[in-house]
N, C-alpha and C. Protein backbone atom coordinates (compact mmCIF):
# COMPACT_ATOMS: atom_id res chain seq x y z
N MET A 1 27.12 4.55 16.90
CA MET A 1 25.80 3.93 16.97
C MET A 1 24.84 4.82 17.76
N SER A 2 23.57 4.50 17.70
CA SER A 2 22.54 5.34 18.30
C SER A 2 22.04 4.77 19.62
N SER A 3 21.47 5.66 20.42
CA SER A 3 20.78 5.28 21.65
C SER A 3 19.29 5.45 21.39
N VAL A 4 18.52 4.35 21.44
CA VAL A 4 17.14 4.35 20.98
C VAL A 4 16.20 3.83 22.07
N SER A 5 15.11 4.54 22.26
CA SER A 5 14.02 4.05 23.10
C SER A 5 12.83 3.75 22.20
N ILE A 6 12.22 2.59 22.39
CA ILE A 6 11.07 2.19 21.60
C ILE A 6 9.84 2.16 22.50
N ILE A 7 8.86 2.98 22.18
CA ILE A 7 7.61 2.99 22.94
C ILE A 7 6.65 2.06 22.23
N GLY A 8 6.34 0.94 22.87
CA GLY A 8 5.47 -0.05 22.28
C GLY A 8 6.07 -1.44 22.40
N THR A 9 5.22 -2.44 22.33
CA THR A 9 5.69 -3.82 22.48
C THR A 9 5.12 -4.74 21.39
N GLY A 10 4.59 -4.15 20.32
CA GLY A 10 3.99 -4.94 19.25
C GLY A 10 5.00 -5.43 18.23
N ASN A 11 4.49 -5.87 17.09
CA ASN A 11 5.34 -6.48 16.07
C ASN A 11 6.39 -5.53 15.51
N MET A 12 6.00 -4.28 15.24
CA MET A 12 6.97 -3.33 14.70
C MET A 12 8.02 -2.98 15.75
N ALA A 13 7.62 -2.87 17.01
CA ALA A 13 8.58 -2.61 18.08
C ALA A 13 9.60 -3.74 18.15
N ARG A 14 9.12 -4.96 18.04
CA ARG A 14 10.01 -6.12 18.10
C ARG A 14 10.96 -6.15 16.89
N THR A 15 10.43 -5.89 15.71
CA THR A 15 11.26 -5.93 14.51
C THR A 15 12.32 -4.84 14.52
N ILE A 16 11.91 -3.61 14.80
CA ILE A 16 12.89 -2.52 14.84
C ILE A 16 13.89 -2.74 15.97
N GLY A 17 13.41 -3.23 17.11
CA GLY A 17 14.31 -3.51 18.22
C GLY A 17 15.34 -4.57 17.87
N THR A 18 14.90 -5.62 17.19
CA THR A 18 15.81 -6.69 16.79
C THR A 18 16.88 -6.16 15.85
N LEU A 19 16.47 -5.38 14.87
CA LEU A 19 17.42 -4.80 13.92
C LEU A 19 18.36 -3.82 14.60
N ALA A 20 17.82 -3.05 15.56
CA ALA A 20 18.63 -2.06 16.26
C ALA A 20 19.72 -2.73 17.07
N VAL A 21 19.37 -3.79 17.77
CA VAL A 21 20.36 -4.53 18.56
C VAL A 21 21.43 -5.13 17.66
N ALA A 22 20.98 -5.74 16.55
CA ALA A 22 21.92 -6.34 15.61
C ALA A 22 22.86 -5.30 15.01
N GLY A 23 22.37 -4.06 14.91
CA GLY A 23 23.18 -2.98 14.35
C GLY A 23 24.10 -2.32 15.36
N GLY A 24 24.11 -2.84 16.59
CA GLY A 24 25.02 -2.32 17.60
C GLY A 24 24.51 -1.12 18.36
N ASN A 25 23.21 -0.83 18.27
CA ASN A 25 22.64 0.31 18.97
C ASN A 25 22.25 -0.05 20.40
N THR A 26 22.17 0.95 21.25
CA THR A 26 21.69 0.78 22.62
C THR A 26 20.17 0.93 22.60
N VAL A 27 19.45 -0.05 23.15
CA VAL A 27 18.00 -0.09 23.01
C VAL A 27 17.31 -0.16 24.37
N GLU A 28 16.23 0.60 24.50
CA GLU A 28 15.34 0.56 25.66
C GLU A 28 13.92 0.33 25.16
N VAL A 29 13.15 -0.48 25.89
CA VAL A 29 11.75 -0.74 25.55
C VAL A 29 10.86 -0.13 26.64
N MET A 30 9.81 0.58 26.20
CA MET A 30 8.87 1.19 27.12
C MET A 30 7.45 0.84 26.69
N GLY A 31 6.68 0.23 27.58
CA GLY A 31 5.31 -0.12 27.25
C GLY A 31 4.40 0.07 28.45
N ARG A 32 3.10 0.18 28.18
CA ARG A 32 2.14 0.32 29.28
C ARG A 32 2.19 -0.87 30.23
N ASP A 33 2.35 -2.06 29.65
CA ASP A 33 2.45 -3.28 30.43
C ASP A 33 3.92 -3.57 30.67
N HIS A 34 4.38 -3.33 31.89
CA HIS A 34 5.80 -3.46 32.19
C HIS A 34 6.29 -4.89 31.98
N ALA A 35 5.44 -5.87 32.27
CA ALA A 35 5.83 -7.26 32.09
C ALA A 35 6.10 -7.56 30.62
N LYS A 36 5.24 -7.04 29.73
CA LYS A 36 5.45 -7.24 28.30
C LYS A 36 6.73 -6.55 27.84
N SER A 37 6.98 -5.37 28.38
CA SER A 37 8.20 -4.64 28.04
C SER A 37 9.43 -5.43 28.46
N ALA A 38 9.37 -5.99 29.66
CA ALA A 38 10.50 -6.76 30.17
C ALA A 38 10.73 -8.03 29.35
N ASP A 39 9.63 -8.67 28.94
CA ASP A 39 9.75 -9.87 28.10
C ASP A 39 10.37 -9.54 26.75
N LEU A 40 9.93 -8.43 26.16
CA LEU A 40 10.48 -8.03 24.87
C LEU A 40 11.95 -7.67 25.00
N ALA A 41 12.29 -6.92 26.04
CA ALA A 41 13.69 -6.55 26.26
C ALA A 41 14.57 -7.78 26.42
N LYS A 42 14.07 -8.77 27.14
CA LYS A 42 14.83 -10.00 27.35
C LYS A 42 15.03 -10.74 26.04
N SER A 43 13.98 -10.80 25.22
CA SER A 43 14.07 -11.52 23.95
C SER A 43 14.98 -10.80 22.96
N LEU A 44 15.04 -9.48 23.04
CA LEU A 44 15.92 -8.72 22.15
C LEU A 44 17.38 -8.92 22.52
N GLY A 45 17.66 -9.06 23.80
CA GLY A 45 19.02 -9.28 24.26
C GLY A 45 19.89 -8.06 24.00
N GLY A 46 21.20 -8.28 23.92
CA GLY A 46 22.11 -7.18 23.61
C GLY A 46 22.12 -6.07 24.64
N GLY A 47 21.77 -6.39 25.88
CA GLY A 47 21.75 -5.37 26.92
C GLY A 47 20.54 -4.46 26.88
N THR A 48 19.49 -4.85 26.15
CA THR A 48 18.27 -4.05 26.07
C THR A 48 17.68 -3.86 27.46
N THR A 49 17.30 -2.64 27.78
CA THR A 49 16.73 -2.31 29.08
C THR A 49 15.24 -2.04 28.97
N THR A 50 14.59 -1.93 30.12
CA THR A 50 13.16 -1.64 30.19
C THR A 50 12.95 -0.33 30.93
N GLY A 51 12.20 0.58 30.32
CA GLY A 51 11.90 1.85 30.96
C GLY A 51 10.47 1.90 31.45
N GLU A 52 10.21 2.81 32.37
CA GLU A 52 8.86 2.98 32.90
C GLU A 52 8.03 3.84 31.96
N TRP A 53 6.79 3.43 31.77
CA TRP A 53 5.86 4.17 30.91
C TRP A 53 5.73 5.61 31.42
N GLY A 54 5.98 6.57 30.54
CA GLY A 54 5.83 7.98 30.88
C GLY A 54 7.07 8.62 31.46
N ALA A 55 8.09 7.83 31.78
CA ALA A 55 9.33 8.38 32.33
C ALA A 55 10.21 8.92 31.21
N VAL A 56 11.26 9.62 31.57
CA VAL A 56 12.19 10.16 30.57
C VAL A 56 12.88 9.00 29.85
N PRO A 57 12.73 8.90 28.54
CA PRO A 57 13.40 7.82 27.81
C PRO A 57 14.91 7.94 27.89
N ALA A 58 15.58 6.79 27.93
CA ALA A 58 17.04 6.80 27.97
C ALA A 58 17.63 7.15 26.61
N GLY A 59 16.92 6.82 25.53
CA GLY A 59 17.44 7.03 24.19
C GLY A 59 17.32 8.46 23.71
N ASP A 60 18.26 8.85 22.86
CA ASP A 60 18.17 10.16 22.21
C ASP A 60 17.10 10.14 21.12
N ILE A 61 16.93 8.97 20.51
CA ILE A 61 15.89 8.78 19.51
C ILE A 61 14.77 7.96 20.14
N VAL A 62 13.54 8.47 20.05
CA VAL A 62 12.39 7.78 20.65
C VAL A 62 11.45 7.37 19.52
N ILE A 63 11.37 6.07 19.28
CA ILE A 63 10.52 5.55 18.22
C ILE A 63 9.17 5.16 18.81
N VAL A 64 8.11 5.84 18.37
CA VAL A 64 6.77 5.56 18.88
C VAL A 64 6.16 4.50 17.97
N ALA A 65 6.26 3.24 18.40
CA ALA A 65 5.81 2.10 17.60
C ALA A 65 4.42 1.67 18.04
N LEU A 66 3.45 2.56 17.79
CA LEU A 66 2.07 2.33 18.19
C LEU A 66 1.14 2.53 17.01
N LEU A 67 -0.09 2.04 17.12
CA LEU A 67 -1.09 2.32 16.11
C LEU A 67 -1.36 3.81 16.07
N SER A 68 -1.80 4.30 14.93
CA SER A 68 -1.88 5.74 14.70
C SER A 68 -2.72 6.49 15.73
N ASP A 69 -3.82 5.89 16.19
CA ASP A 69 -4.68 6.59 17.12
C ASP A 69 -4.09 6.70 18.53
N GLY A 70 -3.01 5.98 18.78
CA GLY A 70 -2.39 6.05 20.10
C GLY A 70 -1.16 6.93 20.16
N VAL A 71 -0.70 7.42 19.01
CA VAL A 71 0.57 8.14 18.98
C VAL A 71 0.49 9.51 19.65
N VAL A 72 -0.44 10.35 19.21
CA VAL A 72 -0.55 11.70 19.78
C VAL A 72 -0.90 11.65 21.28
N PRO A 73 -1.87 10.83 21.71
CA PRO A 73 -2.14 10.75 23.15
C PRO A 73 -0.92 10.31 23.96
N THR A 74 -0.11 9.41 23.41
CA THR A 74 1.08 8.95 24.14
C THR A 74 2.12 10.05 24.26
N VAL A 75 2.36 10.76 23.16
CA VAL A 75 3.32 11.88 23.22
C VAL A 75 2.82 12.95 24.18
N THR A 76 1.51 13.19 24.19
CA THR A 76 0.93 14.15 25.13
C THR A 76 1.14 13.68 26.57
N HIS A 77 0.96 12.39 26.81
CA HIS A 77 1.14 11.83 28.15
C HIS A 77 2.59 11.97 28.62
N TYR A 78 3.53 11.68 27.74
CA TYR A 78 4.94 11.79 28.11
C TYR A 78 5.34 13.24 28.36
N GLY A 79 4.78 14.16 27.61
CA GLY A 79 5.01 15.58 27.84
C GLY A 79 6.48 15.96 27.86
N ASP A 80 6.88 16.67 28.92
CA ASP A 80 8.24 17.20 29.02
C ASP A 80 9.30 16.11 29.12
N ALA A 81 8.90 14.87 29.37
CA ALA A 81 9.86 13.76 29.39
C ALA A 81 10.52 13.58 28.02
N LEU A 82 9.90 14.12 26.96
CA LEU A 82 10.43 13.99 25.61
C LEU A 82 11.22 15.21 25.16
N ALA A 83 11.41 16.18 26.05
CA ALA A 83 12.16 17.39 25.71
C ALA A 83 13.57 17.01 25.27
N GLY A 84 14.00 17.58 24.16
CA GLY A 84 15.34 17.32 23.66
C GLY A 84 15.49 16.03 22.89
N LYS A 85 14.42 15.27 22.74
CA LYS A 85 14.49 13.98 22.05
C LYS A 85 14.11 14.12 20.57
N VAL A 86 14.53 13.17 19.78
CA VAL A 86 14.06 13.03 18.40
C VAL A 86 12.94 11.99 18.42
N ILE A 87 11.73 12.42 18.12
CA ILE A 87 10.56 11.55 18.17
C ILE A 87 10.28 11.04 16.75
N VAL A 88 10.27 9.73 16.59
CA VAL A 88 10.03 9.13 15.27
C VAL A 88 8.64 8.48 15.26
N ASP A 89 7.78 9.00 14.39
CA ASP A 89 6.43 8.43 14.21
C ASP A 89 6.46 7.49 13.02
N ILE A 90 6.08 6.23 13.23
CA ILE A 90 6.13 5.23 12.16
C ILE A 90 4.73 4.79 11.72
N SER A 91 3.70 5.48 12.17
CA SER A 91 2.33 4.98 12.01
C SER A 91 1.72 5.31 10.65
N ASN A 92 0.68 4.58 10.31
CA ASN A 92 -0.13 4.83 9.12
C ASN A 92 -1.60 4.96 9.54
N PRO A 93 -2.18 6.14 9.39
CA PRO A 93 -3.59 6.34 9.77
C PRO A 93 -4.53 5.94 8.65
N PHE A 94 -4.62 4.63 8.38
CA PHE A 94 -5.50 4.15 7.31
C PHE A 94 -6.97 4.32 7.69
N ASN A 95 -7.80 4.48 6.67
CA ASN A 95 -9.24 4.45 6.92
C ASN A 95 -9.68 2.99 7.06
N ALA A 96 -10.98 2.79 7.25
CA ALA A 96 -11.48 1.45 7.55
C ALA A 96 -11.28 0.46 6.41
N THR A 97 -11.18 0.98 5.17
CA THR A 97 -11.04 0.10 4.02
C THR A 97 -9.61 0.08 3.47
N PHE A 98 -8.69 0.73 4.16
CA PHE A 98 -7.27 0.73 3.80
C PHE A 98 -7.00 1.28 2.40
N ASP A 99 -7.88 2.16 1.91
CA ASP A 99 -7.66 2.77 0.61
C ASP A 99 -7.64 4.30 0.69
N GLY A 100 -7.41 4.80 1.88
CA GLY A 100 -7.33 6.23 2.11
C GLY A 100 -6.85 6.51 3.52
N LEU A 101 -6.70 7.79 3.84
CA LEU A 101 -6.25 8.19 5.17
C LEU A 101 -7.44 8.47 6.08
N ALA A 102 -7.27 8.21 7.35
CA ALA A 102 -8.35 8.42 8.31
C ALA A 102 -8.65 9.90 8.51
N HIS A 103 -7.62 10.75 8.43
CA HIS A 103 -7.85 12.19 8.58
C HIS A 103 -8.13 12.81 7.21
N ARG A 104 -9.00 13.77 7.20
CA ARG A 104 -9.42 14.38 5.94
C ARG A 104 -8.62 15.63 5.61
N GLU A 105 -7.97 16.20 6.59
CA GLU A 105 -7.18 17.40 6.36
C GLU A 105 -5.81 17.03 5.79
N VAL A 106 -5.14 18.04 5.21
CA VAL A 106 -3.79 17.82 4.72
C VAL A 106 -2.83 17.94 5.91
N THR A 107 -2.81 16.90 6.68
CA THR A 107 -1.94 16.85 7.85
C THR A 107 -1.39 15.43 7.94
N SER A 108 -0.81 15.09 9.05
CA SER A 108 -0.28 13.74 9.27
C SER A 108 -0.20 13.51 10.77
N ILE A 109 -0.03 12.27 11.16
CA ILE A 109 0.15 11.98 12.57
C ILE A 109 1.41 12.68 13.07
N ALA A 110 2.47 12.67 12.28
CA ALA A 110 3.72 13.31 12.69
C ALA A 110 3.53 14.82 12.91
N GLN A 111 2.78 15.47 12.04
CA GLN A 111 2.53 16.90 12.21
C GLN A 111 1.69 17.18 13.45
N GLU A 112 0.75 16.29 13.74
CA GLU A 112 -0.06 16.45 14.94
C GLU A 112 0.80 16.19 16.19
N VAL A 113 1.75 15.27 16.09
CA VAL A 113 2.69 15.03 17.20
C VAL A 113 3.49 16.29 17.47
N ALA A 114 3.94 16.96 16.41
CA ALA A 114 4.76 18.17 16.57
C ALA A 114 4.00 19.26 17.33
N LYS A 115 2.67 19.27 17.21
CA LYS A 115 1.86 20.28 17.89
C LYS A 115 1.83 20.07 19.40
N VAL A 116 1.98 18.82 19.84
CA VAL A 116 1.87 18.52 21.28
C VAL A 116 3.23 18.19 21.91
N ALA A 117 4.26 18.05 21.08
CA ALA A 117 5.59 17.71 21.61
C ALA A 117 6.15 18.88 22.40
N PRO A 118 6.97 18.60 23.42
CA PRO A 118 7.54 19.67 24.24
C PRO A 118 8.61 20.46 23.48
N ALA A 119 8.93 21.62 24.00
CA ALA A 119 9.97 22.45 23.40
C ALA A 119 11.29 21.67 23.37
N GLY A 120 12.00 21.81 22.26
CA GLY A 120 13.29 21.14 22.16
C GLY A 120 13.21 19.75 21.56
N ALA A 121 12.01 19.21 21.42
CA ALA A 121 11.84 17.90 20.77
C ALA A 121 11.64 18.12 19.28
N ASP A 122 12.15 17.20 18.48
CA ASP A 122 11.99 17.26 17.03
C ASP A 122 11.31 15.99 16.54
N VAL A 123 10.45 16.14 15.55
CA VAL A 123 9.66 15.01 15.07
C VAL A 123 10.11 14.61 13.67
N VAL A 124 10.27 13.32 13.46
CA VAL A 124 10.62 12.77 12.15
C VAL A 124 9.63 11.66 11.82
N LYS A 125 9.14 11.65 10.59
CA LYS A 125 8.32 10.55 10.09
C LYS A 125 9.22 9.53 9.42
N GLY A 126 8.98 8.25 9.65
CA GLY A 126 9.81 7.25 9.00
C GLY A 126 9.28 5.84 9.20
N PHE A 127 9.76 4.93 8.39
CA PHE A 127 9.47 3.50 8.49
C PHE A 127 8.04 3.13 8.12
N ASN A 128 7.18 4.08 7.74
CA ASN A 128 5.76 3.76 7.54
C ASN A 128 5.44 3.20 6.17
N THR A 129 6.40 3.22 5.25
CA THR A 129 6.11 2.75 3.89
C THR A 129 6.61 1.32 3.66
N VAL A 130 7.02 0.64 4.73
CA VAL A 130 7.59 -0.70 4.61
C VAL A 130 6.79 -1.69 5.45
N PHE A 131 6.38 -2.78 4.83
CA PHE A 131 5.71 -3.84 5.58
C PHE A 131 6.69 -4.47 6.56
N ARG A 132 6.18 -4.92 7.70
CA ARG A 132 7.04 -5.39 8.78
C ARG A 132 7.97 -6.52 8.34
N HIS A 133 7.44 -7.51 7.63
CA HIS A 133 8.28 -8.65 7.28
C HIS A 133 9.34 -8.29 6.25
N VAL A 134 9.05 -7.25 5.43
CA VAL A 134 10.06 -6.77 4.47
C VAL A 134 11.17 -6.04 5.24
N LEU A 135 10.77 -5.27 6.23
CA LEU A 135 11.75 -4.61 7.09
C LEU A 135 12.62 -5.64 7.80
N GLU A 136 11.99 -6.72 8.20
CA GLU A 136 12.67 -7.76 8.95
C GLU A 136 13.64 -8.56 8.09
N ASN A 137 13.27 -8.82 6.85
CA ASN A 137 14.03 -9.75 6.02
C ASN A 137 14.74 -9.12 4.83
N GLY A 138 14.45 -7.85 4.54
CA GLY A 138 15.03 -7.20 3.37
C GLY A 138 15.91 -6.02 3.73
N ARG A 139 16.27 -5.26 2.73
CA ARG A 139 17.07 -4.05 2.92
C ARG A 139 16.40 -2.91 2.16
N PRO A 140 15.19 -2.53 2.59
CA PRO A 140 14.43 -1.52 1.85
C PRO A 140 14.95 -0.11 2.07
N ASP A 141 14.59 0.79 1.16
CA ASP A 141 14.79 2.21 1.38
C ASP A 141 13.84 2.67 2.48
N ILE A 142 14.31 3.55 3.34
CA ILE A 142 13.48 4.09 4.42
C ILE A 142 13.29 5.58 4.18
N PHE A 143 12.08 5.98 3.82
CA PHE A 143 11.79 7.38 3.57
C PHE A 143 11.53 8.10 4.90
N ILE A 144 12.11 9.29 5.03
CA ILE A 144 11.91 10.08 6.25
C ILE A 144 11.56 11.51 5.88
N ALA A 145 10.92 12.20 6.81
CA ALA A 145 10.58 13.61 6.64
C ALA A 145 10.66 14.30 8.00
N GLY A 146 11.15 15.52 8.01
CA GLY A 146 11.25 16.28 9.26
C GLY A 146 11.80 17.66 8.99
N ASP A 147 11.60 18.56 9.93
CA ASP A 147 12.03 19.94 9.73
C ASP A 147 13.43 20.24 10.24
N ASP A 148 13.94 19.43 11.16
CA ASP A 148 15.25 19.71 11.76
C ASP A 148 16.33 18.84 11.12
N ALA A 149 17.35 19.48 10.58
CA ALA A 149 18.41 18.76 9.87
C ALA A 149 19.18 17.81 10.79
N GLN A 150 19.46 18.26 12.01
CA GLN A 150 20.21 17.41 12.94
C GLN A 150 19.39 16.18 13.34
N ALA A 151 18.09 16.37 13.56
CA ALA A 151 17.23 15.25 13.92
C ALA A 151 17.18 14.23 12.79
N LYS A 152 17.05 14.73 11.56
CA LYS A 152 17.03 13.80 10.43
C LYS A 152 18.37 13.10 10.27
N ALA A 153 19.45 13.81 10.51
CA ALA A 153 20.78 13.18 10.41
C ALA A 153 20.92 12.06 11.42
N ALA A 154 20.35 12.26 12.63
CA ALA A 154 20.41 11.22 13.66
C ALA A 154 19.62 10.00 13.23
N VAL A 155 18.44 10.21 12.65
CA VAL A 155 17.62 9.09 12.20
C VAL A 155 18.27 8.41 11.00
N GLU A 156 18.88 9.18 10.12
CA GLU A 156 19.58 8.60 8.97
C GLU A 156 20.71 7.68 9.43
N ALA A 157 21.46 8.13 10.44
CA ALA A 157 22.55 7.31 10.97
C ALA A 157 22.01 6.02 11.56
N PHE A 158 20.88 6.10 12.24
CA PHE A 158 20.26 4.91 12.81
C PHE A 158 19.82 3.96 11.70
N VAL A 159 19.18 4.50 10.67
CA VAL A 159 18.73 3.66 9.55
C VAL A 159 19.92 2.95 8.90
N LYS A 160 21.02 3.66 8.72
CA LYS A 160 22.22 3.06 8.12
C LYS A 160 22.77 1.95 9.00
N SER A 161 22.64 2.09 10.32
CA SER A 161 23.11 1.04 11.22
C SER A 161 22.31 -0.25 11.06
N LEU A 162 21.12 -0.14 10.49
CA LEU A 162 20.28 -1.31 10.23
C LEU A 162 20.60 -1.95 8.89
N GLY A 163 21.54 -1.35 8.16
CA GLY A 163 21.90 -1.86 6.85
C GLY A 163 20.95 -1.41 5.76
N MET A 164 20.25 -0.31 6.00
CA MET A 164 19.27 0.19 5.05
C MET A 164 19.64 1.59 4.59
N ARG A 165 18.99 2.05 3.51
CA ARG A 165 19.29 3.36 2.95
C ARG A 165 18.21 4.37 3.31
N PRO A 166 18.58 5.43 4.06
CA PRO A 166 17.60 6.48 4.34
C PRO A 166 17.44 7.40 3.13
N MET A 167 16.20 7.82 2.88
CA MET A 167 15.91 8.73 1.79
C MET A 167 15.12 9.91 2.34
N ASP A 168 15.71 11.09 2.31
CA ASP A 168 15.11 12.30 2.87
C ASP A 168 14.08 12.86 1.90
N ALA A 169 12.81 12.90 2.33
CA ALA A 169 11.72 13.39 1.48
C ALA A 169 11.44 14.88 1.69
N GLY A 170 12.13 15.51 2.66
CA GLY A 170 11.91 16.94 2.88
C GLY A 170 11.39 17.25 4.27
N GLY A 171 10.71 18.39 4.37
CA GLY A 171 10.21 18.86 5.65
C GLY A 171 9.07 18.03 6.20
N LEU A 172 8.65 18.36 7.41
CA LEU A 172 7.64 17.55 8.09
C LEU A 172 6.30 17.54 7.35
N LYS A 173 6.02 18.59 6.57
CA LYS A 173 4.76 18.58 5.81
C LYS A 173 4.72 17.42 4.82
N MET A 174 5.89 16.90 4.46
CA MET A 174 5.93 15.76 3.55
C MET A 174 5.47 14.47 4.23
N ALA A 175 5.34 14.50 5.55
CA ALA A 175 4.83 13.32 6.27
C ALA A 175 3.44 12.95 5.79
N HIS A 176 2.65 13.95 5.41
CA HIS A 176 1.31 13.67 4.88
C HIS A 176 1.41 12.78 3.64
N TRP A 177 2.37 13.09 2.78
CA TRP A 177 2.52 12.34 1.54
C TRP A 177 3.18 11.00 1.78
N LEU A 178 4.01 10.89 2.81
CA LEU A 178 4.54 9.58 3.17
C LEU A 178 3.43 8.67 3.68
N GLU A 179 2.49 9.25 4.42
CA GLU A 179 1.33 8.46 4.84
C GLU A 179 0.51 8.04 3.62
N GLY A 180 0.43 8.94 2.61
CA GLY A 180 -0.23 8.58 1.37
C GLY A 180 0.51 7.46 0.65
N ALA A 181 1.84 7.46 0.76
CA ALA A 181 2.63 6.37 0.17
C ALA A 181 2.34 5.05 0.88
N GLY A 182 2.02 5.13 2.16
CA GLY A 182 1.60 3.94 2.89
C GLY A 182 0.31 3.38 2.30
N VAL A 183 -0.62 4.27 1.95
CA VAL A 183 -1.86 3.85 1.29
C VAL A 183 -1.54 3.22 -0.07
N LEU A 184 -0.60 3.83 -0.79
CA LEU A 184 -0.19 3.31 -2.09
C LEU A 184 0.34 1.88 -1.98
N THR A 185 1.13 1.61 -0.96
CA THR A 185 1.66 0.25 -0.80
C THR A 185 0.52 -0.75 -0.60
N MET A 186 -0.51 -0.34 0.12
CA MET A 186 -1.65 -1.23 0.31
C MET A 186 -2.36 -1.50 -1.01
N GLY A 187 -2.52 -0.46 -1.84
CA GLY A 187 -3.16 -0.64 -3.13
C GLY A 187 -2.35 -1.54 -4.04
N LEU A 188 -1.04 -1.36 -4.04
CA LEU A 188 -0.18 -2.19 -4.87
C LEU A 188 -0.21 -3.65 -4.39
N ALA A 189 -0.22 -3.83 -3.07
CA ALA A 189 -0.25 -5.19 -2.53
C ALA A 189 -1.51 -5.92 -2.94
N ARG A 190 -2.61 -5.20 -3.00
CA ARG A 190 -3.89 -5.82 -3.33
C ARG A 190 -4.12 -5.97 -4.82
N HIS A 191 -3.43 -5.17 -5.63
CA HIS A 191 -3.73 -5.15 -7.06
C HIS A 191 -2.49 -5.42 -7.91
N GLY A 192 -1.69 -4.40 -8.19
CA GLY A 192 -0.59 -4.54 -9.14
C GLY A 192 0.44 -5.58 -8.78
N VAL A 193 0.84 -5.63 -7.51
CA VAL A 193 1.83 -6.62 -7.08
C VAL A 193 1.14 -7.94 -6.74
N GLY A 194 0.01 -7.82 -6.07
CA GLY A 194 -0.74 -9.02 -5.70
C GLY A 194 -0.11 -9.79 -4.56
N GLY A 195 0.60 -9.11 -3.70
CA GLY A 195 1.23 -9.75 -2.55
C GLY A 195 1.93 -8.71 -1.69
N TRP A 196 2.57 -9.18 -0.64
CA TRP A 196 3.12 -8.26 0.35
C TRP A 196 4.65 -8.26 0.40
N ASP A 197 5.28 -8.99 -0.49
CA ASP A 197 6.74 -9.13 -0.45
C ASP A 197 7.44 -8.10 -1.34
N PHE A 198 7.24 -6.82 -1.01
CA PHE A 198 7.87 -5.74 -1.79
C PHE A 198 7.94 -4.49 -0.93
N SER A 199 8.66 -3.50 -1.42
CA SER A 199 8.67 -2.19 -0.77
C SER A 199 8.90 -1.12 -1.82
N LEU A 200 8.49 0.08 -1.52
CA LEU A 200 8.76 1.21 -2.40
C LEU A 200 10.23 1.61 -2.28
N GLY A 201 10.83 1.99 -3.39
CA GLY A 201 12.23 2.38 -3.35
C GLY A 201 12.56 3.38 -4.44
N VAL A 202 13.79 3.84 -4.44
CA VAL A 202 14.27 4.83 -5.41
C VAL A 202 15.33 4.19 -6.29
N THR A 203 15.15 4.32 -7.59
CA THR A 203 16.16 3.86 -8.55
C THR A 203 16.78 5.07 -9.20
N GLU A 204 18.09 5.21 -9.07
CA GLU A 204 18.79 6.35 -9.64
C GLU A 204 19.46 5.96 -10.95
N LEU A 205 19.30 6.78 -11.99
CA LEU A 205 19.97 6.56 -13.26
C LEU A 205 21.33 7.25 -13.21
N ARG A 206 22.35 6.51 -13.45
CA ARG A 206 23.71 7.06 -13.40
C ARG A 206 24.33 7.01 -14.78
N ALA A 207 24.99 8.10 -15.13
CA ALA A 207 25.64 8.19 -16.44
C ALA A 207 26.83 7.24 -16.51
């Protein structure tokens, strides 16, 4: 099983934390508001601990469960405390109308994180193409992207512990397209599907 630190105390932090505990992983919660972190850790149970904001995370995998505009500043704030860690960015930088990306360049939040992450840290994009309640109640495919094979293998093992299937989309530059897939899910929810009870997945044809 994995050792995971979750930075954030919102809905996605709670959902991933709940699944992580159920999957037998060691979990730590880190938030700006220590009281909220402690409350979340208590509700997650399973020996979940609370870490200090900005301190060295206890987990080998650090999931930054924050809104997109807070991810890079938070990784910058943590600085060398993240050295040697696998940093997982789960955010979607939607524009104001949720039909495009907030950044205009061919980049991603994960790629911008990699620019400010300390030496020895590896960045993986993941979990951004799944709506929270589907993650909570279903068994969706989890698309990931990253440049380091060992880091991706660690995240894949964590995803499998949640009872889900990891799907490797390639190097970290693919994070831009995973963020685009997040936009696609919004379009499908509003139009083709007409609801939020679905996720993107891969169907393999077998002979």
